[in-house]
PDB file of N, CA and C in Angstrom:
ATOM      1  N   MET A   1       0.834  -1.189   0.000  1.00  0.00           N
ATOM      2  CA  MET A   1       0.000   0.000   0.000  1.00  0.00           C
ATOM      3  C   MET A   1       0.874   1.247   0.000  1.00  0.00           C
ATOM      4  N   LYS A   2       0.509   2.206  -0.794  1.00  0.00           N
ATOM      5  CA  LYS A   2       1.207   3.481  -0.883  1.00  0.00           C
ATOM      6  C   LYS A   2       1.036   4.276   0.407  1.00  0.00           C
ATOM      7  N   LYS A   3       2.110   4.935   0.852  1.00  0.00           N
ATOM      8  CA  LYS A   3       2.010   5.838   1.993  1.00  0.00           C
ATOM      9  C   LYS A   3       1.264   7.083   1.536  1.00  0.00           C
ATOM     10  N   LEU A   4       0.216   7.456   2.266  1.00  0.00           N
ATOM     11  CA  LEU A   4      -0.585   8.630   1.921  1.00  0.00           C
ATOM     12  C   LEU A   4      -0.010   9.879   2.574  1.00  0.00           C
ATOM     13  N   LYS A   5       0.156  10.922   1.771  1.00  0.00           N
ATOM     14  CA  LYS A   5       0.549  12.225   2.294  1.00  0.00           C
ATOM     15  C   LYS A   5      -0.717  12.978   2.665  1.00  0.00           C
ATOM     16  N   VAL A   6      -0.661  13.656   3.818  1.00  0.00           N
ATOM     17  CA  VAL A   6      -1.846  14.268   4.411  1.00  0.00           C
ATOM     18  C   VAL A   6      -1.566  15.730   4.750  1.00  0.00           C
ATOM     19  N   VAL A   7      -2.555  16.592   4.490  1.00  0.00           N
ATOM     20  CA  VAL A   7      -2.533  17.959   5.014  1.00  0.00           C
ATOM     21  C   VAL A   7      -3.666  18.074   6.034  1.00  0.00           C
ATOM     22  N   LEU A   8      -3.382  18.772   7.115  1.00  0.00           N
ATOM     23  CA  LEU A   8      -4.369  18.973   8.174  1.00  0.00           C
ATOM     24  C   LEU A   8      -4.806  20.418   8.188  1.00  0.00           C
ATOM     25  N   ILE A   9      -6.112  20.619   8.117  1.00  0.00           N
ATOM     26  CA  ILE A   9      -6.698  21.956   8.202  1.00  0.00           C
ATOM     27  C   ILE A   9      -7.560  21.988   9.456  1.00  0.00           C
ATOM     28  N   GLY A  10      -7.051  22.646  10.470  1.00  0.00           N
ATOM     29  CA  GLY A  10      -7.719  22.689  11.767  1.00  0.00           C
ATOM     30  C   GLY A  10      -7.060  21.716  12.727  1.00  0.00           C
ATOM     31  N   ALA A  11      -6.195  22.228  13.596  1.00  0.00           N
ATOM     32  CA  ALA A  11      -5.415  21.370  14.493  1.00  0.00           C
ATOM     33  C   ALA A  11      -5.923  21.418  15.927  1.00  0.00           C
ATOM     34  N   GLY A  12      -7.240  21.508  16.081  1.00  0.00           N
ATOM     35  CA  GLY A  12      -7.831  21.432  17.418  1.00  0.00           C
ATOM     36  C   GLY A  12      -7.874  19.984  17.888  1.00  0.00           C
ATOM     37  N   ASN A  13      -8.744  19.694  18.822  1.00  0.00           N
ATOM     38  CA  ASN A  13      -8.802  18.353  19.413  1.00  0.00           C
ATOM     39  C   ASN A  13      -9.031  17.255  18.379  1.00  0.00           C
ATOM     40  N   ARG A  14      -9.983  17.457  17.492  1.00  0.00           N
ATOM     41  CA  ARG A  14     -10.278  16.405  16.512  1.00  0.00           C
ATOM     42  C   ARG A  14      -9.162  16.245  15.492  1.00  0.00           C
ATOM     43  N   GLY A  15      -8.661  17.350  14.984  1.00  0.00           N
ATOM     44  CA  GLY A  15      -7.555  17.269  14.031  1.00  0.00           C
ATOM     45  C   GLY A  15      -6.332  16.618  14.647  1.00  0.00           C
ATOM     46  N   GLU A  16      -6.053  16.969  15.885  1.00  0.00           N
ATOM     47  CA  GLU A  16      -4.932  16.361  16.593  1.00  0.00           C
ATOM     48  C   GLU A  16      -5.159  14.863  16.784  1.00  0.00           C
ATOM     49  N   THR A  17      -6.385  14.486  17.103  1.00  0.00           N
ATOM     50  CA  THR A  17      -6.696  13.061  17.277  1.00  0.00           C
ATOM     51  C   THR A  17      -6.457  12.289  15.992  1.00  0.00           C
ATOM     52  N   TYR A  18      -6.945  12.798  14.872  1.00  0.00           N
ATOM     53  CA  TYR A  18      -6.740  12.114  13.591  1.00  0.00           C
ATOM     54  C   TYR A  18      -5.255  11.940  13.292  1.00  0.00           C
ATOM     55  N   THR A  19      -4.487  13.021  13.455  1.00  0.00           N
ATOM     56  CA  THR A  19      -3.075  12.934  13.096  1.00  0.00           C
ATOM     57  C   THR A  19      -2.265  12.155  14.129  1.00  0.00           C
ATOM     58  N   ASN A  20      -2.706  12.123  15.388  1.00  0.00           N
ATOM     59  CA  ASN A  20      -2.039  11.266  16.374  1.00  0.00           C
ATOM     60  C   ASN A  20      -2.172   9.797  15.985  1.00  0.00           C
ATOM     61  N   ILE A  21      -3.353   9.419  15.523  1.00  0.00           N
ATOM     62  CA  ILE A  21      -3.562   8.043  15.061  1.00  0.00           C
ATOM     63  C   ILE A  21      -2.675   7.764  13.854  1.00  0.00           C
ATOM     64  N   MET A  22      -2.622   8.693  12.925  1.00  0.00           N
ATOM     65  CA  MET A  22      -1.775   8.520  11.747  1.00  0.00           C
ATOM     66  C   MET A  22      -0.307   8.405  12.121  1.00  0.00           C
ATOM     67  N   HIS A  23       0.095   9.117  13.164  1.00  0.00           N
ATOM     68  CA  HIS A  23       1.485   9.066  13.634  1.00  0.00           C
ATOM     69  C   HIS A  23       1.863   7.654  14.079  1.00  0.00           C
ATOM     70  N   GLU A  24       0.892   6.893  14.533  1.00  0.00           N
ATOM     71  CA  GLU A  24       1.137   5.517  14.969  1.00  0.00           C
ATOM     72  C   GLU A  24       1.309   4.554  13.801  1.00  0.00           C
ATOM     73  N   PHE A  25       1.035   5.007  12.584  1.00  0.00           N
ATOM     74  CA  PHE A  25       1.151   4.178  11.379  1.00  0.00           C
ATOM     75  C   PHE A  25       2.017   4.882  10.340  1.00  0.00           C
ATOM     76  N   PRO A  26       3.298   5.111  10.655  1.00  0.00           N
ATOM     77  CA  PRO A  26       4.158   5.876   9.737  1.00  0.00           C
ATOM     78  C   PRO A  26       4.375   5.193   8.393  1.00  0.00           C
ATOM     79  N   GLU A  27       4.120   3.921   8.326  1.00  0.00           N
ATOM     80  CA  GLU A  27       4.243   3.220   7.040  1.00  0.00           C
ATOM     81  C   GLU A  27       3.053   3.512   6.125  1.00  0.00           C
ATOM     82  N   LYS A  28       1.967   4.058   6.678  1.00  0.00           N
ATOM     83  CA  LYS A  28       0.755   4.330   5.911  1.00  0.00           C
ATOM     84  C   LYS A  28       0.486   5.816   5.687  1.00  0.00           C
ATOM     85  N   PHE A  29       0.926   6.671   6.633  1.00  0.00           N
ATOM     86  CA  PHE A  29       0.572   8.091   6.572  1.00  0.00           C
ATOM     87  C   PHE A  29       1.781   8.975   6.863  1.00  0.00           C
ATOM     88  N   GLN A  30       1.812  10.120   6.180  1.00  0.00           N
ATOM     89  CA  GLN A  30       2.791  11.159   6.465  1.00  0.00           C
ATOM     90  C   GLN A  30       2.067  12.499   6.425  1.00  0.00           C
ATOM     91  N   VAL A  31       1.977  13.152   7.570  1.00  0.00           N
ATOM     92  CA  VAL A  31       1.363  14.479   7.634  1.00  0.00           C
ATOM     93  C   VAL A  31       2.426  15.471   7.161  1.00  0.00           C
ATOM     94  N   VAL A  32       2.149  16.143   6.045  1.00  0.00           N
ATOM     95  CA  VAL A  32       3.166  16.980   5.405  1.00  0.00           C
ATOM     96  C   VAL A  32       2.932  18.477   5.561  1.00  0.00           C
ATOM     97  N   ALA A  33       1.731  18.878   5.994  1.00  0.00           N
ATOM     98  CA  ALA A  33       1.440  20.311   6.156  1.00  0.00           C
ATOM     99  C   ALA A  33       0.303  20.486   7.150  1.00  0.00           C
ATOM    100  N   VAL A  34       0.275  21.668   7.765  1.00  0.00           N
ATOM    101  CA  VAL A  34      -0.788  21.995   8.711  1.00  0.00           C
ATOM    102  C   VAL A  34      -1.202  23.449   8.504  1.00  0.00           C
ATOM    103  N   ALA A  35      -2.511  23.687   8.575  1.00  0.00           N
ATOM    104  CA  ALA A  35      -3.071  25.039   8.554  1.00  0.00           C
ATOM    105  C   ALA A  35      -3.919  25.199   9.807  1.00  0.00           C
ATOM    106  N   GLU A  36      -3.509  26.109  10.666  1.00  0.00           N
ATOM    107  CA  GLU A  36      -4.177  26.321  11.951  1.00  0.00           C
ATOM    108  C   GLU A  36      -3.850  27.723  12.437  1.00  0.00           C
ATOM    109  N   PRO A  37      -4.882  28.544  12.765  1.00  0.00           N
ATOM    110  CA  PRO A  37      -4.607  29.914  13.198  1.00  0.00           C
ATOM    111  C   PRO A  37      -3.992  30.029  14.596  1.00  0.00           C
ATOM    112  N   VAL A  38      -4.185  29.037  15.452  1.00  0.00           N
ATOM    113  CA  VAL A  38      -3.643  29.088  16.816  1.00  0.00           C
ATOM    114  C   VAL A  38      -2.216  28.523  16.793  1.00  0.00           C
ATOM    115  N   LEU A  39      -1.254  29.380  17.070  1.00  0.00           N
ATOM    116  CA  LEU A  39       0.160  29.024  16.945  1.00  0.00           C
ATOM    117  C   LEU A  39       0.545  27.792  17.762  1.00  0.00           C
ATOM    118  N   SER A  40       0.094  27.702  18.994  1.00  0.00           N
ATOM    119  CA  SER A  40       0.485  26.559  19.834  1.00  0.00           C
ATOM    120  C   SER A  40      -0.023  25.238  19.250  1.00  0.00           C
ATOM    121  N   ARG A  41      -1.213  25.231  18.706  1.00  0.00           N
ATOM    122  CA  ARG A  41      -1.751  24.015  18.074  1.00  0.00           C
ATOM    123  C   ARG A  41      -0.973  23.673  16.806  1.00  0.00           C
ATOM    124  N   ARG A  42      -0.729  24.701  15.996  1.00  0.00           N
ATOM    125  CA  ARG A  42       0.023  24.511  14.767  1.00  0.00           C
ATOM    126  C   ARG A  42       1.415  23.958  15.076  1.00  0.00           C
ATOM    127  N   ASN A  43       2.070  24.515  16.077  1.00  0.00           N
ATOM    128  CA  ASN A  43       3.411  24.068  16.433  1.00  0.00           C
ATOM    129  C   ASN A  43       3.426  22.655  16.999  1.00  0.00           C
ATOM    130  N   HIS A  44       2.373  22.287  17.704  1.00  0.00           N
ATOM    131  CA  HIS A  44       2.302  20.920  18.235  1.00  0.00           C
ATOM    132  C   HIS A  44       2.301  19.904  17.086  1.00  0.00           C
ATOM    133  N   VAL A  45       1.460  20.128  16.099  1.00  0.00           N
ATOM    134  CA  VAL A  45       1.392  19.221  14.945  1.00  0.00           C
ATOM    135  C   VAL A  45       2.700  19.276  14.161  1.00  0.00           C
ATOM    136  N   LYS A  46       3.227  20.459  13.999  1.00  0.00           N
ATOM    137  CA  LYS A  46       4.512  20.635  13.291  1.00  0.00           C
ATOM    138  C   LYS A  46       5.600  19.784  13.942  1.00  0.00           C
ATOM    139  N   THR A  47       5.710  19.858  15.250  1.00  0.00           N
ATOM    140  CA  THR A  47       6.741  19.121  15.970  1.00  0.00           C
ATOM    141  C   THR A  47       6.519  17.617  15.903  1.00  0.00           C
ATOM    142  N   LEU A  48       5.307  17.192  16.144  1.00  0.00           N
ATOM    143  CA  LEU A  48       4.997  15.757  16.154  1.00  0.00           C
ATOM    144  C   LEU A  48       5.306  15.105  14.811  1.00  0.00           C
ATOM    145  N   HIS A  49       5.036  15.814  13.726  1.00  0.00           N
ATOM    146  CA  HIS A  49       5.169  15.224  12.387  1.00  0.00           C
ATOM    147  C   HIS A  49       6.381  15.747  11.612  1.00  0.00           C
ATOM    148  N   ASN A  50       7.242  16.509  12.295  1.00  0.00           N
ATOM    149  CA  ASN A  50       8.451  17.038  11.649  1.00  0.00           C
ATOM    150  C   ASN A  50       8.133  17.784  10.360  1.00  0.00           C
ATOM    151  N   ILE A  51       7.139  18.651  10.435  1.00  0.00           N
ATOM    152  CA  ILE A  51       6.718  19.434   9.268  1.00  0.00           C
ATOM    153  C   ILE A  51       7.614  20.664   9.171  1.00  0.00           C
ATOM    154  N   PRO A  52       8.185  20.924   7.995  1.00  0.00           N
ATOM    155  CA  PRO A  52       9.038  22.117   7.859  1.00  0.00           C
ATOM    156  C   PRO A  52       8.227  23.409   7.980  1.00  0.00           C
ATOM    157  N   ASP A  53       8.915  24.475   8.375  1.00  0.00           N
ATOM    158  CA  ASP A  53       8.268  25.780   8.571  1.00  0.00           C
ATOM    159  C   ASP A  53       7.480  26.235   7.357  1.00  0.00           C
ATOM    160  N   ASP A  54       8.013  25.973   6.164  1.00  0.00           N
ATOM    161  CA  ASP A  54       7.353  26.484   4.960  1.00  0.00           C
ATOM    162  C   ASP A  54       6.088  25.721   4.594  1.00  0.00           C
ATOM    163  N   LEU A  55       5.735  24.702   5.392  1.00  0.00           N
ATOM    164  CA  LEU A  55       4.481  23.976   5.178  1.00  0.00           C
ATOM    165  C   LEU A  55       3.566  24.069   6.398  1.00  0.00           C
ATOM    166  N   CYS A  56       3.771  25.117   7.192  1.00  0.00           N
ATOM    167  CA  CYS A  56       2.911  25.418   8.343  1.00  0.00           C
ATOM    168  C   CYS A  56       2.279  26.782   8.095  1.00  0.00           C
ATOM    169  N   PHE A  57       0.948  26.826   8.148  1.00  0.00           N
ATOM    170  CA  PHE A  57       0.210  28.021   7.736  1.00  0.00           C
ATOM    171  C   PHE A  57      -0.819  28.393   8.794  1.00  0.00           C
ATOM    172  N   ASP A  58      -1.157  29.677   8.831  1.00  0.00           N
ATOM    173  CA  ASP A  58      -2.221  30.087   9.747  1.00  0.00           C
ATOM    174  C   ASP A  58      -3.591  30.068   9.091  1.00  0.00           C
ATOM    175  N   SER A  59      -3.645  29.780   7.771  1.00  0.00           N
ATOM    176  CA  SER A  59      -4.938  29.672   7.094  1.00  0.00           C
ATOM    177  C   SER A  59      -4.872  28.627   5.984  1.00  0.00           C
ATOM    178  N   TYR A  60      -6.013  28.024   5.725  1.00  0.00           N
ATOM    179  CA  TYR A  60      -6.074  27.026   4.659  1.00  0.00           C
ATOM    180  C   TYR A  60      -5.826  27.655   3.288  1.00  0.00           C
ATOM    181  N   SER A  61      -6.212  28.912   3.112  1.00  0.00           N
ATOM    182  CA  SER A  61      -6.025  29.549   1.809  1.00  0.00           C
ATOM    183  C   SER A  61      -4.544  29.668   1.468  1.00  0.00           C
ATOM    184  N   GLU A  62      -3.712  29.943   2.468  1.00  0.00           N
ATOM    185  CA  GLU A  62      -2.265  29.999   2.237  1.00  0.00           C
ATOM    186  C   GLU A  62      -1.734  28.617   1.881  1.00  0.00           C
ATOM    187  N   LEU A  63      -2.207  27.612   2.555  1.00  0.00           N
ATOM    188  CA  LEU A  63      -1.809  26.231   2.245  1.00  0.00           C
ATOM    189  C   LEU A  63      -2.180  25.882   0.814  1.00  0.00           C
ATOM    190  N   PHE A  64      -3.411  26.164   0.419  1.00  0.00           N
ATOM    191  CA  PHE A  64      -3.870  25.775  -0.908  1.00  0.00           C
ATOM    192  C   PHE A  64      -3.212  26.564  -2.037  1.00  0.00           C
ATOM    193  N   LYS A  65      -2.577  27.685  -1.730  1.00  0.00           N
ATOM    194  CA  LYS A  65      -1.803  28.405  -2.748  1.00  0.00           C
ATOM    195  C   LYS A  65      -0.625  27.562  -3.237  1.00  0.00           C
ATOM    196  N   LYS A  66      -0.222  26.579  -2.452  1.00  0.00           N
ATOM    197  CA  LYS A  66       0.862  25.667  -2.836  1.00  0.00           C
ATOM    198  C   LYS A  66       0.393  24.649  -3.871  1.00  0.00           C
ATOM    199  N   GLY A  67      -0.919  24.581  -4.116  1.00  0.00           N
ATOM    200  CA  GLY A  67      -1.457  23.566  -5.009  1.00  0.00           C
ATOM    201  C   GLY A  67      -1.688  22.270  -4.245  1.00  0.00           C
ATOM    202  N   LYS A  68      -1.783  21.195  -4.983  1.00  0.00           N
ATOM    203  CA  LYS A  68      -2.011  19.892  -4.357  1.00  0.00           C
ATOM    204  C   LYS A  68      -0.656  19.301  -3.967  1.00  0.00           C
ATOM    205  N   ILE A  69      -0.407  19.226  -2.668  1.00  0.00           N
ATOM    206  CA  ILE A  69       0.880  18.738  -2.181  1.00  0.00           C
ATOM    207  C   ILE A  69       0.752  17.417  -1.435  1.00  0.00           C
ATOM    208  N   ALA A  70      -0.456  16.879  -1.386  1.00  0.00           N
ATOM    209  CA  ALA A  70      -0.695  15.631  -0.658  1.00  0.00           C
ATOM    210  C   ALA A  70      -1.839  14.875  -1.323  1.00  0.00           C
ATOM    211  N   ASP A  71      -2.089  13.688  -0.815  1.00  0.00           N
ATOM    212  CA  ASP A  71      -3.183  12.865  -1.332  1.00  0.00           C
ATOM    213  C   ASP A  71      -4.504  13.180  -0.643  1.00  0.00           C
ATOM    214  N   LEU A  72      -4.430  13.492   0.636  1.00  0.00           N
ATOM    215  CA  LEU A  72      -5.606  13.586   1.498  1.00  0.00           C
ATOM    216  C   LEU A  72      -5.583  14.887   2.278  1.00  0.00           C
ATOM    217  N   ALA A  73      -6.734  15.540   2.365  1.00  0.00           N
ATOM    218  CA  ALA A  73      -6.896  16.715   3.228  1.00  0.00           C
ATOM    219  C   ALA A  73      -7.871  16.358   4.337  1.00  0.00           C
ATOM    220  N   ILE A  74      -7.441  16.580   5.564  1.00  0.00           N
ATOM    221  CA  ILE A  74      -8.339  16.441   6.716  1.00  0.00           C
ATOM    222  C   ILE A  74      -8.853  17.828   7.039  1.00  0.00           C
ATOM    223  N   ILE A  75     -10.161  17.975   7.042  1.00  0.00           N
ATOM    224  CA  ILE A  75     -10.761  19.265   7.378  1.00  0.00           C
ATOM    225  C   ILE A  75     -11.475  19.097   8.709  1.00  0.00           C
ATOM    226  N   SER A  76     -10.840  19.655   9.740  1.00  0.00           N
ATOM    227  CA  SER A  76     -11.394  19.546  11.092  1.00  0.00           C
ATOM    228  C   SER A  76     -11.444  20.924  11.747  1.00  0.00           C
ATOM    229  N   THR A  77     -11.905  21.878  10.968  1.00  0.00           N
ATOM    230  CA  THR A  77     -12.141  23.226  11.471  1.00  0.00           C
ATOM    231  C   THR A  77     -13.414  23.222  12.312  1.00  0.00           C
ATOM    232  N   GLN A  78     -13.792  24.369  12.817  1.00  0.00           N
ATOM    233  CA  GLN A  78     -15.071  24.471  13.510  1.00  0.00           C
ATOM    234  C   GLN A  78     -16.192  24.152  12.522  1.00  0.00           C
ATOM    235  N   ASP A  79     -17.277  23.577  13.022  1.00  0.00           N
ATOM    236  CA  ASP A  79     -18.360  23.096  12.160  1.00  0.00           C
ATOM    237  C   ASP A  79     -18.827  24.132  11.143  1.00  0.00           C
ATOM    238  N   ARG A  80     -18.987  25.358  11.558  1.00  0.00           N
ATOM    239  CA  ARG A  80     -19.504  26.392  10.652  1.00  0.00           C
ATOM    240  C   ARG A  80     -18.478  26.805   9.600  1.00  0.00           C
ATOM    241  N   MET A  81     -17.255  26.265   9.704  1.00  0.00           N
ATOM    242  CA  MET A  81     -16.179  26.655   8.796  1.00  0.00           C
ATOM    243  C   MET A  81     -15.740  25.523   7.873  1.00  0.00           C
ATOM    244  N   HIS A  82     -16.506  24.461   7.746  1.00  0.00           N
ATOM    245  CA  HIS A  82     -16.115  23.327   6.906  1.00  0.00           C
ATOM    246  C   HIS A  82     -16.233  23.598   5.409  1.00  0.00           C
ATOM    247  N   PHE A  83     -17.251  24.306   5.021  1.00  0.00           N
ATOM    248  CA  PHE A  83     -17.611  24.421   3.608  1.00  0.00           C
ATOM    249  C   PHE A  83     -16.502  25.005   2.735  1.00  0.00           C
ATOM    250  N   ALA A  84     -15.983  26.158   3.085  1.00  0.00           N
ATOM    251  CA  ALA A  84     -15.015  26.851   2.214  1.00  0.00           C
ATOM    252  C   ALA A  84     -13.741  26.029   1.982  1.00  0.00           C
ATOM    253  N   PRO A  85     -13.081  25.513   3.033  1.00  0.00           N
ATOM    254  CA  PRO A  85     -11.888  24.714   2.749  1.00  0.00           C
ATOM    255  C   PRO A  85     -12.203  23.420   2.007  1.00  0.00           C
ATOM    256  N   ALA A  86     -13.376  22.853   2.249  1.00  0.00           N
ATOM    257  CA  ALA A  86     -13.758  21.630   1.515  1.00  0.00           C
ATOM    258  C   ALA A  86     -13.880  21.912   0.028  1.00  0.00           C
ATOM    259  N   MET A  87     -14.508  23.017  -0.332  1.00  0.00           N
ATOM    260  CA  MET A  87     -14.664  23.346  -1.747  1.00  0.00           C
ATOM    261  C   MET A  87     -13.305  23.619  -2.407  1.00  0.00           C
ATOM    262  N   GLU A  88     -12.418  24.289  -1.692  1.00  0.00           N
ATOM    263  CA  GLU A  88     -11.071  24.542  -2.225  1.00  0.00           C
ATOM    264  C   GLU A  88     -10.312  23.227  -2.406  1.00  0.00           C
ATOM    265  N   ALA A  89     -10.414  22.340  -1.427  1.00  0.00           N
ATOM    266  CA  ALA A  89      -9.729  21.045  -1.517  1.00  0.00           C
ATOM    267  C   ALA A  89     -10.266  20.211  -2.677  1.00  0.00           C
ATOM    268  N   ILE A  90     -11.566  20.247  -2.882  1.00  0.00           N
ATOM    269  CA  ILE A  90     -12.173  19.511  -3.995  1.00  0.00           C
ATOM    270  C   ILE A  90     -11.671  20.062  -5.332  1.00  0.00           C
ATOM    271  N   LYS A  91     -11.575  21.384  -5.448  1.00  0.00           N
ATOM    272  CA  LYS A  91     -11.052  21.985  -6.686  1.00  0.00           C
ATOM    273  C   LYS A  91      -9.640  21.504  -6.989  1.00  0.00           C
ATOM    274  N   LEU A  92      -8.867  21.265  -5.937  1.00  0.00           N
ATOM    275  CA  LEU A  92      -7.493  20.787  -6.114  1.00  0.00           C
ATOM    276  C   LEU A  92      -7.412  19.262  -6.239  1.00  0.00           C
ATOM    277  N   LYS A  93      -8.573  18.609  -6.189  1.00  0.00           N
ATOM    278  CA  LYS A  93      -8.681  17.154  -6.353  1.00  0.00           C
ATOM    279  C   LYS A  93      -8.086  16.358  -5.189  1.00  0.00           C
ATOM    280  N   TYR A  94      -8.199  16.913  -3.994  1.00  0.00           N
ATOM    281  CA  TYR A  94      -7.825  16.172  -2.791  1.00  0.00           C
ATOM    282  C   TYR A  94      -8.912  15.158  -2.458  1.00  0.00           C
ATOM    283  N   ASP A  95      -8.519  14.008  -1.945  1.00  0.00           N
ATOM    284  CA  ASP A  95      -9.459  13.152  -1.235  1.00  0.00           C
ATOM    285  C   ASP A  95      -9.655  13.815   0.117  1.00  0.00           C
ATOM    286  N   LEU A  96     -10.856  13.658   0.696  1.00  0.00           N
ATOM    287  CA  LEU A  96     -11.168  14.367   1.938  1.00  0.00           C
ATOM    288  C   LEU A  96     -11.548  13.443   3.075  1.00  0.00           C
ATOM    289  N   LEU A  97     -11.101  13.805   4.252  1.00  0.00           N
ATOM    290  CA  LEU A  97     -11.707  13.357   5.486  1.00  0.00           C
ATOM    291  C   LEU A  97     -12.375  14.624   6.008  1.00  0.00           C
ATOM    292  N   LEU A  98     -13.671  14.706   5.848  1.00  0.00           N
ATOM    293  CA  LEU A  98     -14.425  15.911   6.186  1.00  0.00           C
ATOM    294  C   LEU A  98     -15.434  15.577   7.263  1.00  0.00           C
ATOM    295  N   GLU A  99     -15.301  16.261   8.379  1.00  0.00           N
ATOM    296  CA  GLU A  99     -16.233  16.046   9.469  1.00  0.00           C
ATOM    297  C   GLU A  99     -17.619  16.544   9.095  1.00  0.00           C
ATOM    298  N   LYS A 100     -18.604  16.040   9.784  1.00  0.00           N
ATOM    299  CA  LYS A 100     -19.951  16.564   9.599  1.00  0.00           C
ATOM    300  C   LYS A 100     -20.130  17.750  10.521  1.00  0.00           C
ATOM    301  N   PRO A 101     -20.937  18.666  10.216  1.00  0.00           N
ATOM    302  CA  PRO A 101     -21.694  18.803   8.964  1.00  0.00           C
ATOM    303  C   PRO A 101     -20.803  19.359   7.862  1.00  0.00           C
ATOM    304  N   LEU A 102     -21.135  19.021   6.633  1.00  0.00           N
ATOM    305  CA  LEU A 102     -20.433  19.581   5.482  1.00  0.00           C
ATOM    306  C   LEU A 102     -20.543  21.105   5.511  1.00  0.00           C
ATOM    307  N   ALA A 103     -21.733  21.586   5.845  1.00  0.00           N
ATOM    308  CA  ALA A 103     -21.986  23.025   5.872  1.00  0.00           C
ATOM    309  C   ALA A 103     -23.119  23.296   6.852  1.00  0.00           C
ATOM    310  N   PRO A 104     -23.171  24.519   7.389  1.00  0.00           N
ATOM    311  CA  PRO A 104     -24.223  24.831   8.355  1.00  0.00           C
ATOM    312  C   PRO A 104     -25.573  25.183   7.741  1.00  0.00           C
ATOM    313  N   SER A 105     -25.625  25.317   6.417  1.00  0.00           N
ATOM    314  CA  SER A 105     -26.896  25.687   5.802  1.00  0.00           C
ATOM    315  C   SER A 105     -27.223  24.738   4.639  1.00  0.00           C
ATOM    316  N   ALA A 106     -28.506  24.609   4.374  1.00  0.00           N
ATOM    317  CA  ALA A 106     -28.945  23.779   3.257  1.00  0.00           C
ATOM    318  C   ALA A 106     -28.452  24.346   1.937  1.00  0.00           C
ATOM    319  N   GLU A 107     -28.398  25.662   1.822  1.00  0.00           N
ATOM    320  CA  GLU A 107     -27.946  26.291   0.574  1.00  0.00           C
ATOM    321  C   GLU A 107     -26.513  25.892   0.245  1.00  0.00           C
ATOM    322  N   GLU A 108     -25.634  25.916   1.238  1.00  0.00           N
ATOM    323  CA  GLU A 108     -24.240  25.527   0.989  1.00  0.00           C
ATOM    324  C   GLU A 108     -24.148  24.036   0.670  1.00  0.00           C
ATOM    325  N   CYS A 109     -24.956  23.224   1.309  1.00  0.00           N
ATOM    326  CA  CYS A 109     -24.933  21.779   1.040  1.00  0.00           C
ATOM    327  C   CYS A 109     -25.347  21.484  -0.400  1.00  0.00           C
ATOM    328  N   LEU A 110     -26.199  22.307  -0.959  1.00  0.00           N
ATOM    329  CA  LEU A 110     -26.678  22.075  -2.317  1.00  0.00           C
ATOM    330  C   LEU A 110     -25.749  22.676  -3.373  1.00  0.00           C
ATOM    331  N   SER A 111     -24.751  23.454  -2.974  1.00  0.00           N
ATOM    332  CA  SER A 111     -23.835  24.102  -3.946  1.00  0.00           C
ATOM    333  C   SER A 111     -22.934  23.087  -4.618  1.00  0.00           C
TER     334      SER A 111
END
């Protein structure tokens, strides 16, 4: 099986949980970038996964300016903030681990 490269968007409790599990399977997963506005959370993931400074961002939009740099994007932002990074990740053809809800409104879900 190919090792999957992963970007994490949202390094709160859930994002940290997902990547902690991935850290236990280094033959299957490599977390290569993180986007998180809270510096301490971003640095925790950076340190755990040996992510270089140039792949640590305070916003998903800065991360996505790099193009598609991984196979999988984990979107674990606050619930009301899932839609925008999910749509950007889909445009870049990322596979997604996207928490529910996809979006807080029916209109966004239908877009």
